[in-house]
Amino acid sequence: MHVNPYEKKDLMLLVPLYEHPADRPEYWERLIRSAGRLHSVVLNPASGPGEAPDERFAAVAERLRGAGVPVLGYADTDYGRRPHAAVVQDLLRHRDWYGTDGTFLDQAAAGPEFLPHYRRLVVSARAAGARTVVLNHGVHPHPGYAELADLLVTFEGPWDAYRDATAVPPWTADHPAHRFCHLVYAVPPGGQAAELAERLAAQRGAGVHCAVPGTGAHPWGTLPYALEAAG
């Protein structure tokens, strides 16, 4: 009998919760109570760190770190178009204002021509103290990106697209499942779809995932089903 090395129970959650702690305090409390299940939490005050520190975000970041959860500062890279200096400024603000110990580089390019750009970004992030670097490509990138980051997001999209996706590049088998993450939104309620999303992540070699009910332009304002079910 084939045994998948990453059964559903082994999956960790990367949670991009893009809600202000003052508006959804119960969501942040749930995250802190669920620390043992979390790979990391993405902190995103204003599509980045914002222009000034926010004490509410600083407080929840401190509590998450105290619970042993890596806190990742969100920075948009605009598929390689955003200047290096602007991205690094975001990383430094996250570190100085919120004590982040990692970075979540969003809208990461996937082609080999951008590898030097992202290599420089990752070097700068490490120099700024990032212990965890996540590249969110949203698709499977060129395999060279696996040498740069601790975690690659190789799927981000709605449930319908995730359910029907089939192709997993052969090169991913050269890396352990905890190096890959799938982020799925618009997952229907009722439990069955969320459970299937977890099984599909394991089958497709992703040891980190997040499946949420959120839809539209702001799907990441909801908690993953795995935590909602936990109560």
Protein backbone atom coordinates (compact mmCIF):
# COMPACT_ATOMS: atom_id res chain seq x y z
CA MET A 1 0.00 0.00 0.00
CA HIS A 2 1.34 3.45 -0.93
CA VAL A 3 1.72 5.74 2.10
CA ASN A 4 1.89 9.47 1.41
CA PRO A 5 4.64 10.97 3.62
CA TYR A 6 2.44 14.03 4.11
CA GLU A 7 -0.89 12.80 5.32
CA LYS A 8 -3.56 15.44 5.87
CA LYS A 9 -2.83 15.61 9.59
CA ASP A 10 0.76 16.64 8.88
CA LEU A 11 -0.10 19.71 6.83
CA MET A 12 0.87 23.05 8.31
CA LEU A 13 -1.03 26.27 7.76
CA LEU A 14 0.41 29.46 6.30
CA VAL A 15 -2.25 32.08 7.03
CA PRO A 16 -2.36 35.36 5.11
CA LEU A 17 -4.89 37.20 7.30
CA TYR A 18 -5.35 40.62 5.72
CA GLU A 19 -7.67 42.05 8.37
CA HIS A 20 -6.99 44.73 10.95
CA PRO A 21 -6.86 43.40 14.52
CA ALA A 22 -9.32 46.10 15.61
CA ASP A 23 -11.88 44.90 13.06
CA ARG A 24 -11.47 41.13 13.53
CA PRO A 25 -9.94 40.61 16.99
CA GLU A 26 -11.52 37.15 17.27
CA TYR A 27 -9.68 36.01 14.13
CA TRP A 28 -6.31 37.00 15.57
CA GLU A 29 -7.15 35.35 18.89
CA ARG A 30 -7.95 32.14 17.02
CA LEU A 31 -4.58 32.29 15.29
CA ILE A 32 -2.73 32.74 18.56
CA ARG A 33 -4.64 29.85 20.18
CA SER A 34 -3.82 27.66 17.17
CA ALA A 35 -0.09 28.36 17.19
CA GLY A 36 0.88 24.69 17.08
CA ARG A 37 -0.79 24.22 13.71
CA LEU A 38 0.77 27.23 12.02
CA HIS A 39 3.72 27.32 9.68
CA SER A 40 3.57 31.13 9.73
CA VAL A 41 1.28 34.16 9.57
CA VAL A 42 1.58 36.93 6.99
CA LEU A 43 1.36 40.45 8.43
CA ASN A 44 -0.04 42.96 5.94
CA PRO A 45 -1.16 46.26 7.50
CA ALA A 46 -1.52 48.23 4.25
CA SER A 47 -0.50 46.19 1.20
CA GLY A 48 2.86 46.26 2.94
CA PRO A 49 3.94 47.81 6.24
CA GLY A 50 2.20 51.12 5.65
CA GLU A 51 3.63 54.59 6.18
CA ALA A 52 3.74 54.51 9.98
CA PRO A 53 3.70 51.85 12.71
CA ASP A 54 0.33 50.47 13.81
CA GLU A 55 0.29 49.50 17.48
CA ARG A 56 -2.49 46.93 17.02
CA PHE A 57 -0.48 44.99 14.46
CA ALA A 58 2.64 45.32 16.61
CA ALA A 59 0.73 43.80 19.55
CA VAL A 60 -0.60 40.77 17.66
CA ALA A 61 2.80 40.21 16.03
CA GLU A 62 4.42 40.14 19.46
CA ARG A 63 1.87 37.65 20.76
CA LEU A 64 2.28 35.39 17.75
CA ARG A 65 6.06 35.41 18.12
CA GLY A 66 5.65 34.68 21.82
CA ALA A 67 3.57 31.64 20.87
CA GLY A 68 6.35 30.44 18.58
CA VAL A 69 4.75 31.42 15.27
CA PRO A 70 6.98 32.93 12.55
CA VAL A 71 5.60 36.31 11.47
CA LEU A 72 6.19 37.21 7.84
CA GLY A 73 6.13 40.79 6.56
CA TYR A 74 4.20 41.22 3.32
CA ALA A 75 5.93 42.93 0.39
CA ASP A 76 4.63 43.19 -3.16
CA THR A 77 7.28 42.57 -5.84
CA ASP A 78 4.96 43.21 -8.82
CA TYR A 79 6.35 40.25 -10.77
CA GLY A 80 9.86 41.67 -10.74
CA ARG A 81 8.86 45.18 -11.80
CA ARG A 82 8.98 46.83 -8.39
CA PRO A 83 12.40 48.37 -7.65
CA HIS A 84 14.71 46.47 -5.37
CA ALA A 85 15.07 49.43 -2.98
CA ALA A 86 11.30 49.81 -2.54
CA VAL A 87 10.86 46.15 -1.63
CA VAL A 88 13.79 46.26 0.80
CA GLN A 89 12.34 49.37 2.46
CA ASP A 90 9.15 47.38 3.13
CA LEU A 91 11.16 44.54 4.64
CA LEU A 92 13.04 46.88 6.95
CA ARG A 93 9.87 48.64 8.08
CA HIS A 94 8.22 45.32 8.88
CA ARG A 95 11.27 44.30 10.90
CA ASP A 96 11.64 47.60 12.76
CA TRP A 97 7.96 48.25 13.42
CA TYR A 98 6.56 44.76 13.91
CA GLY A 99 9.53 42.55 14.72
CA THR A 100 8.88 40.24 11.79
CA ASP A 101 11.27 37.33 11.52
CA GLY A 102 10.54 36.48 7.90
CA THR A 103 9.19 37.86 4.65
CA PHE A 104 6.39 36.99 2.23
CA LEU A 105 7.33 38.27 -1.22
CA ASP A 106 4.05 38.45 -3.13
CA GLN A 107 3.44 38.49 -6.88
CA ALA A 108 6.81 36.88 -7.49
CA ALA A 109 7.86 36.33 -11.09
CA ALA A 110 8.24 32.73 -12.21
CA GLY A 111 10.57 32.92 -15.23
CA PRO A 112 14.32 32.26 -15.19
CA GLU A 113 15.13 35.78 -16.41
CA PHE A 114 14.10 37.19 -13.03
CA LEU A 115 16.23 34.84 -10.94
CA PRO A 116 19.05 37.41 -10.42
CA HIS A 117 16.54 40.03 -9.23
CA TYR A 118 14.98 37.70 -6.68
CA ARG A 119 18.36 36.39 -5.61
CA ARG A 120 19.33 39.96 -4.66
CA LEU A 121 16.03 40.42 -2.81
CA VAL A 122 16.51 37.23 -0.83
CA VAL A 123 20.10 38.15 0.04
CA SER A 124 18.84 41.53 1.31
CA ALA A 125 16.05 39.86 3.27
CA ARG A 126 18.49 37.47 4.95
CA ALA A 127 20.81 40.39 5.75
CA ALA A 128 17.83 42.15 7.38
CA GLY A 129 17.30 39.14 9.65
CA ALA A 130 14.67 37.12 7.77
CA ARG A 131 14.85 33.51 8.93
CA THR A 132 11.98 32.47 6.67
CA VAL A 133 11.63 33.67 3.07
CA VAL A 134 8.48 32.81 1.12
CA LEU A 135 8.09 33.49 -2.61
CA ASN A 136 4.48 33.61 -3.75
CA HIS A 137 4.56 32.80 -7.44
CA GLY A 138 1.03 31.41 -7.45
CA VAL A 139 2.21 28.92 -10.08
CA HIS A 140 5.09 26.49 -10.37
CA PRO A 141 8.14 28.64 -11.19
CA HIS A 142 11.45 27.80 -12.78
CA PRO A 143 13.15 25.25 -10.49
CA GLY A 144 15.98 27.69 -9.76
CA TYR A 145 13.71 29.56 -7.35
CA ALA A 146 13.77 26.58 -5.00
CA GLU A 147 17.41 27.44 -4.25
CA LEU A 148 16.46 30.93 -3.09
CA ALA A 149 13.55 30.59 -0.68
CA ASP A 150 12.49 28.40 2.22
CA LEU A 151 8.97 28.04 0.83
CA LEU A 152 7.47 28.46 -2.63
CA VAL A 153 3.76 29.14 -3.09
CA THR A 154 3.12 27.17 -6.26
CA PHE A 155 -0.64 27.65 -6.36
CA GLU A 156 -2.83 30.60 -5.43
CA GLY A 157 -6.30 30.72 -6.84
CA PRO A 158 -9.96 29.75 -6.50
CA TRP A 159 -11.23 26.33 -5.52
CA ASP A 160 -12.60 25.47 -8.97
CA ALA A 161 -9.17 25.94 -10.56
CA TYR A 162 -7.44 24.05 -7.75
CA ARG A 163 -9.84 21.11 -7.85
CA ASP A 164 -9.29 20.68 -11.58
CA ALA A 165 -5.52 21.27 -11.65
CA THR A 166 -3.44 18.23 -12.46
CA ALA A 167 0.07 19.13 -13.57
CA VAL A 168 2.87 19.01 -11.00
CA PRO A 169 6.33 19.47 -12.57
CA PRO A 170 8.69 16.52 -12.03
CA TRP A 171 11.39 18.74 -10.47
CA THR A 172 9.26 19.28 -7.37
CA ALA A 173 9.85 15.65 -6.38
CA ASP A 174 13.49 16.57 -5.69
CA HIS A 175 12.39 18.67 -2.70
CA PRO A 176 10.49 17.82 0.50
CA ALA A 177 6.83 18.74 0.72
CA HIS A 178 7.43 21.37 3.42
CA ARG A 179 9.09 23.50 0.74
CA PHE A 180 5.79 24.01 -1.13
CA CYS A 181 2.54 25.79 -0.27
CA HIS A 182 -0.90 25.98 -1.89
CA LEU A 183 -3.25 28.90 -1.15
CA VAL A 184 -6.87 28.25 -2.14
CA TYR A 185 -9.81 30.63 -1.78
CA ALA A 186 -13.52 30.48 -2.61
CA VAL A 187 -13.69 27.01 -1.07
CA PRO A 188 -17.38 26.07 -0.63
CA PRO A 189 -18.79 25.61 2.87
CA GLY A 190 -19.85 22.30 4.28
CA GLY A 191 -16.54 20.67 5.05
CA GLN A 192 -16.19 18.26 2.15
CA ALA A 193 -14.44 20.71 -0.18
CA ALA A 194 -12.07 21.89 2.56
CA GLU A 195 -11.13 18.30 3.40
CA LEU A 196 -10.60 17.55 -0.28
CA ALA A 197 -8.38 20.65 -0.60
CA GLU A 198 -6.16 19.28 2.18
CA ARG A 199 -5.97 15.86 0.56
CA LEU A 200 -5.13 17.39 -2.81
CA ALA A 201 -2.35 19.47 -1.27
CA ALA A 202 -0.82 16.33 0.23
CA GLN A 203 -1.19 14.36 -2.98
CA ARG A 204 0.41 17.18 -4.97
CA GLY A 205 3.41 17.40 -2.70
CA ALA A 206 2.59 20.56 -0.72
CA GLY A 207 3.17 20.25 3.02
CA VAL A 208 1.88 23.77 3.71
CA HIS A 209 -1.48 25.12 2.64
CA CYS A 210 -4.42 27.39 3.41
CA ALA A 211 -8.02 26.92 2.23
CA VAL A 212 -10.46 29.75 2.96
CA PRO A 213 -14.06 30.61 2.08
CA GLY A 214 -13.25 34.20 1.05
CA THR A 215 -14.10 35.34 -2.47
CA GLY A 216 -13.82 38.40 -4.69
CA ALA A 217 -11.06 40.99 -4.53
CA HIS A 218 -10.36 40.36 -0.84
CA PRO A 219 -10.43 36.60 -0.21
CA TRP A 220 -7.73 36.65 2.48
CA GLY A 221 -9.88 38.35 5.09
CA THR A 222 -11.18 35.00 6.32
CA LEU A 223 -9.68 32.25 8.43
CA PRO A 224 -8.86 28.85 6.95
CA TYR A 225 -11.51 26.19 7.40
CA ALA A 226 -9.04 24.12 9.42
CA LEU A 227 -9.09 26.75 12.16
CA GLU A 228 -12.78 27.52 11.92
CA ALA A 229 -13.48 23.86 12.57
CA ALA A 230 -11.15 23.90 15.54
CA GLY A 231 -13.44 26.29 17.42
